[in-house]
Amino acid sequence: MDPTSDLAMPFLLMAAFRNLVDAVHRQLDAAGFTGIRATHGFAMQAIGAGCTSVELGARLGVSKQAAAKTAQALEQMGLLERSENPRDRRERLLRPTDRGREMLRRSAAAFATELAAWRELAGDTGVDATLATLAQVSRGGRSDTDLSDWA
């Protein structure tokens, strides 16, 4: 496919995303964070400083059950802890552990390293224009972490 064709856009975006995320995952793996997938990173970003499973589901655009399953995987990896919600004893608060916060710090540093490589390859002007374009066209009804219907 001609990379200058408008029809190439979704494939180029997908390849760039996958290459970026795969490179970050390799860095995380080398730092001892094995088994991290894109959904884990999105969930950790969505959890932020803390939330309930219901809130996590809403932030990710998935069911409470799917959010709970993701939270369970993160908990098993030592990235997340559950505690009693003082406002509602039936709910559990999800919060990053120290290890989870370290994973997020390393992930952010890895993304910065990869974007620096993009800047080296395409130049600051090209990357800045790409970011500005993506920020403009990505406005819509979904949150940044909503991959609910993306298989």
N, C-alpha and C. Protein backbone atom coordinates (compact mmCIF):
# COMPACT_ATOMS: atom_id res chain seq x y z
N MET A 1 0.86 -1.18 0.00
CA MET A 1 0.00 0.00 0.00
C MET A 1 0.89 1.24 0.00
N ASP A 2 0.51 2.21 -0.76
CA ASP A 2 1.23 3.47 -0.85
C ASP A 2 1.11 4.22 0.47
N PRO A 3 2.23 4.47 1.19
CA PRO A 3 2.14 5.12 2.49
C PRO A 3 1.67 6.57 2.43
N THR A 4 1.62 7.14 1.22
CA THR A 4 1.13 8.51 1.10
C THR A 4 -0.36 8.55 0.80
N SER A 5 -0.97 7.39 0.59
CA SER A 5 -2.40 7.32 0.32
C SER A 5 -3.18 7.55 1.62
N ASP A 6 -4.28 8.27 1.51
CA ASP A 6 -5.15 8.46 2.68
C ASP A 6 -5.62 7.13 3.25
N LEU A 7 -5.76 6.13 2.39
CA LEU A 7 -6.21 4.82 2.85
C LEU A 7 -5.19 4.12 3.75
N ALA A 8 -3.95 4.58 3.72
CA ALA A 8 -2.91 3.99 4.55
C ALA A 8 -2.99 4.47 6.00
N MET A 9 -3.71 5.56 6.25
CA MET A 9 -3.73 6.19 7.57
C MET A 9 -4.04 5.22 8.72
N PRO A 10 -5.13 4.45 8.68
CA PRO A 10 -5.39 3.58 9.83
C PRO A 10 -4.30 2.54 10.06
N PHE A 11 -3.71 2.06 8.99
CA PHE A 11 -2.67 1.05 9.11
C PHE A 11 -1.38 1.66 9.66
N LEU A 12 -1.06 2.86 9.23
CA LEU A 12 0.13 3.54 9.75
C LEU A 12 -0.05 3.90 11.22
N LEU A 13 -1.24 4.38 11.58
CA LEU A 13 -1.50 4.70 12.99
C LEU A 13 -1.40 3.45 13.85
N MET A 14 -1.98 2.36 13.37
CA MET A 14 -1.95 1.11 14.13
C MET A 14 -0.50 0.62 14.27
N ALA A 15 0.26 0.64 13.20
CA ALA A 15 1.64 0.18 13.25
C ALA A 15 2.47 1.05 14.18
N ALA A 16 2.28 2.37 14.11
CA ALA A 16 3.02 3.27 14.99
C ALA A 16 2.67 3.02 16.45
N PHE A 17 1.39 2.84 16.73
CA PHE A 17 0.94 2.55 18.10
C PHE A 17 1.56 1.25 18.60
N ARG A 18 1.44 0.20 17.80
CA ARG A 18 1.98 -1.10 18.21
C ARG A 18 3.49 -1.03 18.42
N ASN A 19 4.20 -0.39 17.51
CA ASN A 19 5.65 -0.29 17.65
C ASN A 19 6.03 0.49 18.91
N LEU A 20 5.32 1.56 19.18
CA LEU A 20 5.57 2.38 20.36
C LEU A 20 5.31 1.57 21.63
N VAL A 21 4.16 0.94 21.71
CA VAL A 21 3.79 0.17 22.90
C VAL A 21 4.70 -1.04 23.08
N ASP A 22 5.02 -1.73 21.99
CA ASP A 22 5.90 -2.89 22.08
C ASP A 22 7.28 -2.48 22.61
N ALA A 23 7.79 -1.34 22.16
CA ALA A 23 9.10 -0.87 22.62
C ALA A 23 9.06 -0.55 24.12
N VAL A 24 7.98 0.07 24.56
CA VAL A 24 7.82 0.38 25.98
C VAL A 24 7.73 -0.91 26.79
N HIS A 25 6.98 -1.88 26.29
CA HIS A 25 6.85 -3.16 27.00
C HIS A 25 8.20 -3.89 27.09
N ARG A 26 9.02 -3.79 26.06
CA ARG A 26 10.34 -4.40 26.13
C ARG A 26 11.17 -3.75 27.24
N GLN A 27 11.07 -2.43 27.36
CA GLN A 27 11.80 -1.74 28.43
C GLN A 27 11.25 -2.12 29.80
N LEU A 28 9.94 -2.23 29.92
CA LEU A 28 9.35 -2.64 31.20
C LEU A 28 9.76 -4.07 31.55
N ASP A 29 9.76 -4.94 30.55
CA ASP A 29 10.15 -6.33 30.77
C ASP A 29 11.59 -6.39 31.27
N ALA A 30 12.47 -5.62 30.65
CA ALA A 30 13.88 -5.59 31.06
C ALA A 30 14.05 -5.07 32.48
N ALA A 31 13.11 -4.24 32.93
CA ALA A 31 13.15 -3.67 34.28
C ALA A 31 12.45 -4.57 35.31
N GLY A 32 11.99 -5.75 34.87
CA GLY A 32 11.37 -6.69 35.80
C GLY A 32 9.86 -6.65 35.84
N PHE A 33 9.25 -5.89 34.97
CA PHE A 33 7.78 -5.82 34.89
C PHE A 33 7.33 -6.69 33.72
N THR A 34 7.40 -8.00 33.92
CA THR A 34 7.07 -8.93 32.84
C THR A 34 5.56 -9.13 32.75
N GLY A 35 5.11 -9.41 31.55
CA GLY A 35 3.70 -9.71 31.33
C GLY A 35 2.79 -8.51 31.21
N ILE A 36 3.35 -7.31 31.21
CA ILE A 36 2.52 -6.10 31.08
C ILE A 36 1.99 -6.03 29.65
N ARG A 37 0.70 -5.80 29.53
CA ARG A 37 0.06 -5.62 28.22
C ARG A 37 -0.53 -4.22 28.15
N ALA A 38 -0.92 -3.82 26.97
CA ALA A 38 -1.48 -2.48 26.79
C ALA A 38 -2.69 -2.26 27.69
N THR A 39 -3.54 -3.29 27.82
CA THR A 39 -4.73 -3.13 28.67
C THR A 39 -4.35 -2.86 30.12
N HIS A 40 -3.24 -3.43 30.58
CA HIS A 40 -2.80 -3.18 31.95
C HIS A 40 -2.41 -1.71 32.12
N GLY A 41 -1.66 -1.20 31.16
CA GLY A 41 -1.25 0.20 31.22
C GLY A 41 -2.43 1.15 31.17
N PHE A 42 -3.38 0.87 30.28
CA PHE A 42 -4.56 1.72 30.20
C PHE A 42 -5.35 1.67 31.51
N ALA A 43 -5.46 0.48 32.08
CA ALA A 43 -6.19 0.35 33.34
C ALA A 43 -5.49 1.10 34.46
N MET A 44 -4.17 0.99 34.53
CA MET A 44 -3.44 1.71 35.58
C MET A 44 -3.59 3.22 35.41
N GLN A 45 -3.57 3.68 34.18
CA GLN A 45 -3.80 5.11 33.94
C GLN A 45 -5.20 5.51 34.37
N ALA A 46 -6.17 4.66 34.07
CA ALA A 46 -7.57 4.95 34.41
C ALA A 46 -7.78 4.93 35.93
N ILE A 47 -7.07 4.06 36.63
CA ILE A 47 -7.19 3.99 38.09
C ILE A 47 -6.64 5.25 38.72
N GLY A 48 -5.57 5.78 38.16
CA GLY A 48 -4.99 7.01 38.69
C GLY A 48 -4.59 6.82 40.15
N ALA A 49 -5.01 7.74 41.01
CA ALA A 49 -4.71 7.67 42.44
C ALA A 49 -5.61 6.67 43.14
N GLY A 50 -6.72 6.28 42.49
CA GLY A 50 -7.62 5.31 43.09
C GLY A 50 -9.03 5.46 42.58
N CYS A 51 -9.74 4.35 42.55
CA CYS A 51 -11.15 4.35 42.14
C CYS A 51 -11.76 3.00 42.52
N THR A 52 -13.04 2.86 42.31
CA THR A 52 -13.72 1.58 42.53
C THR A 52 -13.74 0.80 41.21
N SER A 53 -14.14 -0.46 41.27
CA SER A 53 -14.27 -1.26 40.05
C SER A 53 -15.33 -0.67 39.12
N VAL A 54 -16.40 -0.15 39.69
CA VAL A 54 -17.46 0.47 38.89
C VAL A 54 -16.89 1.68 38.15
N GLU A 55 -16.14 2.51 38.86
CA GLU A 55 -15.53 3.68 38.23
C GLU A 55 -14.52 3.26 37.17
N LEU A 56 -13.74 2.22 37.47
CA LEU A 56 -12.77 1.73 36.49
C LEU A 56 -13.47 1.27 35.23
N GLY A 57 -14.56 0.52 35.39
CA GLY A 57 -15.33 0.09 34.23
C GLY A 57 -15.81 1.26 33.39
N ALA A 58 -16.31 2.29 34.06
CA ALA A 58 -16.79 3.48 33.33
C ALA A 58 -15.64 4.18 32.62
N ARG A 59 -14.50 4.29 33.28
CA ARG A 59 -13.35 4.97 32.68
C ARG A 59 -12.79 4.21 31.49
N LEU A 60 -12.88 2.88 31.55
CA LEU A 60 -12.38 2.06 30.44
C LEU A 60 -13.45 1.76 29.40
N GLY A 61 -14.72 2.03 29.75
CA GLY A 61 -15.81 1.73 28.83
C GLY A 61 -16.12 0.25 28.78
N VAL A 62 -15.92 -0.45 29.91
CA VAL A 62 -16.17 -1.89 29.96
C VAL A 62 -17.11 -2.18 31.13
N SER A 63 -17.58 -3.42 31.21
CA SER A 63 -18.47 -3.81 32.29
C SER A 63 -17.72 -3.85 33.62
N LYS A 64 -18.49 -3.84 34.69
CA LYS A 64 -17.90 -3.95 36.03
C LYS A 64 -17.14 -5.27 36.14
N GLN A 65 -17.68 -6.33 35.55
CA GLN A 65 -17.04 -7.64 35.60
C GLN A 65 -15.70 -7.62 34.86
N ALA A 66 -15.66 -7.00 33.71
CA ALA A 66 -14.40 -6.92 32.95
C ALA A 66 -13.38 -6.08 33.72
N ALA A 67 -13.84 -4.99 34.33
CA ALA A 67 -12.95 -4.15 35.12
C ALA A 67 -12.41 -4.93 36.32
N ALA A 68 -13.28 -5.70 36.97
CA ALA A 68 -12.85 -6.49 38.13
C ALA A 68 -11.83 -7.54 37.72
N LYS A 69 -12.00 -8.14 36.55
CA LYS A 69 -11.06 -9.15 36.06
C LYS A 69 -9.70 -8.51 35.79
N THR A 70 -9.70 -7.34 35.17
CA THR A 70 -8.45 -6.63 34.92
C THR A 70 -7.79 -6.25 36.23
N ALA A 71 -8.59 -5.74 37.17
CA ALA A 71 -8.05 -5.36 38.48
C ALA A 71 -7.44 -6.57 39.18
N GLN A 72 -8.08 -7.72 39.06
CA GLN A 72 -7.55 -8.93 39.68
C GLN A 72 -6.19 -9.29 39.09
N ALA A 73 -6.05 -9.17 37.78
CA ALA A 73 -4.77 -9.46 37.13
C ALA A 73 -3.70 -8.48 37.62
N LEU A 74 -4.05 -7.20 37.73
CA LEU A 74 -3.10 -6.21 38.22
C LEU A 74 -2.71 -6.46 39.66
N GLU A 75 -3.67 -6.91 40.45
CA GLU A 75 -3.40 -7.24 41.84
C GLU A 75 -2.44 -8.42 41.93
N GLN A 76 -2.65 -9.43 41.09
CA GLN A 76 -1.77 -10.60 41.09
C GLN A 76 -0.35 -10.24 40.66
N MET A 77 -0.23 -9.21 39.84
CA MET A 77 1.10 -8.75 39.40
C MET A 77 1.76 -7.86 40.46
N GLY A 78 1.03 -7.54 41.50
CA GLY A 78 1.57 -6.69 42.55
C GLY A 78 1.53 -5.21 42.22
N LEU A 79 0.71 -4.83 41.24
CA LEU A 79 0.64 -3.44 40.80
C LEU A 79 -0.51 -2.67 41.44
N LEU A 80 -1.42 -3.40 42.05
CA LEU A 80 -2.65 -2.81 42.54
C LEU A 80 -3.02 -3.45 43.87
N GLU A 81 -3.61 -2.65 44.74
CA GLU A 81 -4.13 -3.19 46.00
C GLU A 81 -5.59 -2.76 46.14
N ARG A 82 -6.34 -3.59 46.83
CA ARG A 82 -7.74 -3.30 47.11
C ARG A 82 -7.86 -3.01 48.60
N SER A 83 -8.67 -2.02 48.91
CA SER A 83 -8.93 -1.71 50.31
C SER A 83 -10.40 -1.36 50.46
N GLU A 84 -10.86 -1.39 51.69
CA GLU A 84 -12.25 -1.08 51.96
C GLU A 84 -12.52 0.39 51.68
N ASN A 85 -13.65 0.66 51.06
CA ASN A 85 -14.06 2.03 50.79
C ASN A 85 -14.73 2.57 52.06
N PRO A 86 -14.17 3.60 52.68
CA PRO A 86 -14.77 4.11 53.91
C PRO A 86 -16.17 4.70 53.71
N ARG A 87 -16.50 5.06 52.46
CA ARG A 87 -17.82 5.63 52.17
C ARG A 87 -18.87 4.57 51.91
N ASP A 88 -18.42 3.38 51.49
CA ASP A 88 -19.35 2.28 51.20
C ASP A 88 -18.63 0.97 51.42
N ARG A 89 -18.94 0.30 52.51
CA ARG A 89 -18.20 -0.91 52.90
C ARG A 89 -18.39 -2.07 51.92
N ARG A 90 -19.37 -1.98 51.05
CA ARG A 90 -19.58 -3.04 50.05
C ARG A 90 -18.57 -2.92 48.91
N GLU A 91 -18.03 -1.74 48.72
CA GLU A 91 -17.10 -1.49 47.61
C GLU A 91 -15.66 -1.60 48.08
N ARG A 92 -14.80 -1.88 47.12
CA ARG A 92 -13.36 -1.88 47.37
C ARG A 92 -12.74 -0.78 46.52
N LEU A 93 -11.80 -0.07 47.13
CA LEU A 93 -11.04 0.93 46.39
C LEU A 93 -9.83 0.24 45.76
N LEU A 94 -9.56 0.58 44.53
CA LEU A 94 -8.40 0.08 43.81
C LEU A 94 -7.36 1.20 43.81
N ARG A 95 -6.16 0.87 44.25
CA ARG A 95 -5.08 1.86 44.28
C ARG A 95 -3.79 1.21 43.82
N PRO A 96 -2.96 1.98 43.10
CA PRO A 96 -1.65 1.44 42.72
C PRO A 96 -0.80 1.19 43.96
N THR A 97 -0.05 0.11 43.94
CA THR A 97 0.94 -0.15 44.98
C THR A 97 2.19 0.65 44.65
N ASP A 98 3.18 0.60 45.52
CA ASP A 98 4.46 1.24 45.22
C ASP A 98 5.01 0.67 43.91
N ARG A 99 4.89 -0.65 43.73
CA ARG A 99 5.36 -1.28 42.50
C ARG A 99 4.57 -0.77 41.30
N GLY A 100 3.26 -0.59 41.47
CA GLY A 100 2.43 -0.05 40.40
C GLY A 100 2.83 1.36 40.02
N ARG A 101 3.10 2.19 41.02
CA ARG A 101 3.55 3.56 40.74
C ARG A 101 4.91 3.54 40.05
N GLU A 102 5.78 2.61 40.46
CA GLU A 102 7.09 2.48 39.81
C GLU A 102 6.92 2.05 38.35
N MET A 103 6.01 1.13 38.09
CA MET A 103 5.74 0.70 36.72
C MET A 103 5.26 1.89 35.88
N LEU A 104 4.38 2.71 36.46
CA LEU A 104 3.89 3.88 35.73
C LEU A 104 5.02 4.88 35.46
N ARG A 105 5.90 5.08 36.44
CA ARG A 105 7.05 5.99 36.24
C ARG A 105 7.96 5.47 35.13
N ARG A 106 8.26 4.16 35.19
CA ARG A 106 9.13 3.58 34.16
C ARG A 106 8.46 3.60 32.79
N SER A 107 7.16 3.38 32.77
CA SER A 107 6.41 3.43 31.52
C SER A 107 6.49 4.84 30.91
N ALA A 108 6.28 5.85 31.74
CA ALA A 108 6.35 7.24 31.26
C ALA A 108 7.75 7.55 30.73
N ALA A 109 8.78 7.09 31.43
CA ALA A 109 10.15 7.32 30.98
C ALA A 109 10.41 6.59 29.66
N ALA A 110 9.87 5.39 29.53
CA ALA A 110 10.05 4.62 28.29
C ALA A 110 9.35 5.31 27.12
N PHE A 111 8.15 5.82 27.36
CA PHE A 111 7.46 6.55 26.30
C PHE A 111 8.26 7.79 25.91
N ALA A 112 8.83 8.49 26.89
CA ALA A 112 9.65 9.68 26.58
C ALA A 112 10.86 9.29 25.75
N THR A 113 11.49 8.18 26.09
CA THR A 113 12.64 7.70 25.31
C THR A 113 12.24 7.39 23.88
N GLU A 114 11.11 6.72 23.72
CA GLU A 114 10.65 6.36 22.37
C GLU A 114 10.27 7.60 21.56
N LEU A 115 9.61 8.56 22.20
CA LEU A 115 9.24 9.79 21.49
C LEU A 115 10.48 10.59 21.12
N ALA A 116 11.51 10.53 21.96
CA ALA A 116 12.77 11.19 21.62
C ALA A 116 13.37 10.56 20.35
N ALA A 117 13.24 9.24 20.23
CA ALA A 117 13.72 8.56 19.02
C ALA A 117 12.90 8.99 17.81
N TRP A 118 11.59 9.16 18.00
CA TRP A 118 10.75 9.66 16.90
C TRP A 118 11.24 11.05 16.48
N ARG A 119 11.53 11.89 17.46
CA ARG A 119 11.98 13.25 17.16
C ARG A 119 13.32 13.22 16.42
N GLU A 120 14.18 12.29 16.80
CA GLU A 120 15.46 12.13 16.11
C GLU A 120 15.23 11.71 14.65
N LEU A 121 14.28 10.83 14.45
CA LEU A 121 13.99 10.30 13.12
C LEU A 121 13.23 11.29 12.24
N ALA A 122 12.16 11.88 12.80
CA ALA A 122 11.26 12.73 11.99
C ALA A 122 11.43 14.22 12.24
N GLY A 123 12.17 14.58 13.26
CA GLY A 123 12.35 15.99 13.60
C GLY A 123 11.25 16.50 14.51
N ASP A 124 11.60 17.51 15.29
CA ASP A 124 10.64 18.08 16.24
C ASP A 124 9.40 18.62 15.53
N THR A 125 9.58 19.27 14.41
CA THR A 125 8.45 19.84 13.69
C THR A 125 7.47 18.77 13.25
N GLY A 126 7.99 17.67 12.73
CA GLY A 126 7.12 16.58 12.28
C GLY A 126 6.37 15.94 13.43
N VAL A 127 7.06 15.68 14.53
CA VAL A 127 6.41 15.06 15.69
C VAL A 127 5.40 16.03 16.30
N ASP A 128 5.78 17.30 16.44
CA ASP A 128 4.85 18.28 17.00
C ASP A 128 3.59 18.40 16.14
N ALA A 129 3.77 18.39 14.82
CA ALA A 129 2.61 18.47 13.92
C ALA A 129 1.75 17.22 14.05
N THR A 130 2.37 16.07 14.19
CA THR A 130 1.62 14.82 14.36
C THR A 130 0.81 14.87 15.66
N LEU A 131 1.45 15.28 16.75
CA LEU A 131 0.76 15.37 18.04
C LEU A 131 -0.40 16.36 17.98
N ALA A 132 -0.17 17.49 17.35
CA ALA A 132 -1.23 18.51 17.23
C ALA A 132 -2.40 17.97 16.41
N THR A 133 -2.08 17.28 15.32
CA THR A 133 -3.13 16.71 14.48
C THR A 133 -3.91 15.65 15.25
N LEU A 134 -3.20 14.74 15.92
CA LEU A 134 -3.88 13.68 16.67
C LEU A 134 -4.73 14.27 17.79
N ALA A 135 -4.25 15.29 18.45
CA ALA A 135 -5.04 15.93 19.52
C ALA A 135 -6.32 16.53 18.94
N GLN A 136 -6.22 17.09 17.76
CA GLN A 136 -7.39 17.71 17.13
C GLN A 136 -8.41 16.67 16.68
N VAL A 137 -7.96 15.61 16.01
CA VAL A 137 -8.90 14.65 15.43
C VAL A 137 -9.38 13.60 16.44
N SER A 138 -8.72 13.51 17.58
CA SER A 138 -9.12 12.48 18.54
C SER A 138 -10.20 12.96 19.50
N ARG A 139 -10.63 14.18 19.38
CA ARG A 139 -11.71 14.68 20.22
C ARG A 139 -13.00 13.96 19.87
N GLY A 140 -13.67 13.50 20.88
CA GLY A 140 -14.91 12.79 20.63
C GLY A 140 -15.54 12.40 21.95
N GLY A 141 -16.43 11.43 21.90
CA GLY A 141 -17.17 11.04 23.07
C GLY A 141 -16.51 10.02 23.96
N ARG A 142 -15.32 9.56 23.60
CA ARG A 142 -14.67 8.51 24.39
C ARG A 142 -13.57 9.10 25.27
N SER A 143 -13.32 8.41 26.38
CA SER A 143 -12.19 8.81 27.22
C SER A 143 -10.91 8.29 26.57
N ASP A 144 -9.79 8.80 27.04
CA ASP A 144 -8.50 8.40 26.49
C ASP A 144 -8.21 6.92 26.70
N THR A 145 -8.83 6.32 27.69
CA THR A 145 -8.54 4.93 28.02
C THR A 145 -9.64 3.96 27.60
N ASP A 146 -10.62 4.44 26.86
CA ASP A 146 -11.76 3.59 26.44
C ASP A 146 -11.41 2.78 25.21
N LEU A 147 -11.14 1.49 25.43
CA LEU A 147 -10.90 0.56 24.33
C LEU A 147 -11.94 -0.55 24.35
N SER A 148 -13.12 -0.23 24.85
CA SER A 148 -14.14 -1.23 25.14
C SER A 148 -14.53 -2.11 23.97
N ASP A 149 -14.59 -1.57 22.80
CA ASP A 149 -15.03 -2.38 21.68
C ASP A 149 -13.92 -2.60 20.66
N TRP A 150 -12.70 -2.46 21.14
CA TRP A 150 -11.54 -2.65 20.27
C TRP A 150 -10.95 -4.01 20.55
N ALA A 151 -11.04 -4.92 19.61
CA ALA A 151 -10.55 -6.29 19.84
C ALA A 151 -9.14 -6.47 19.36
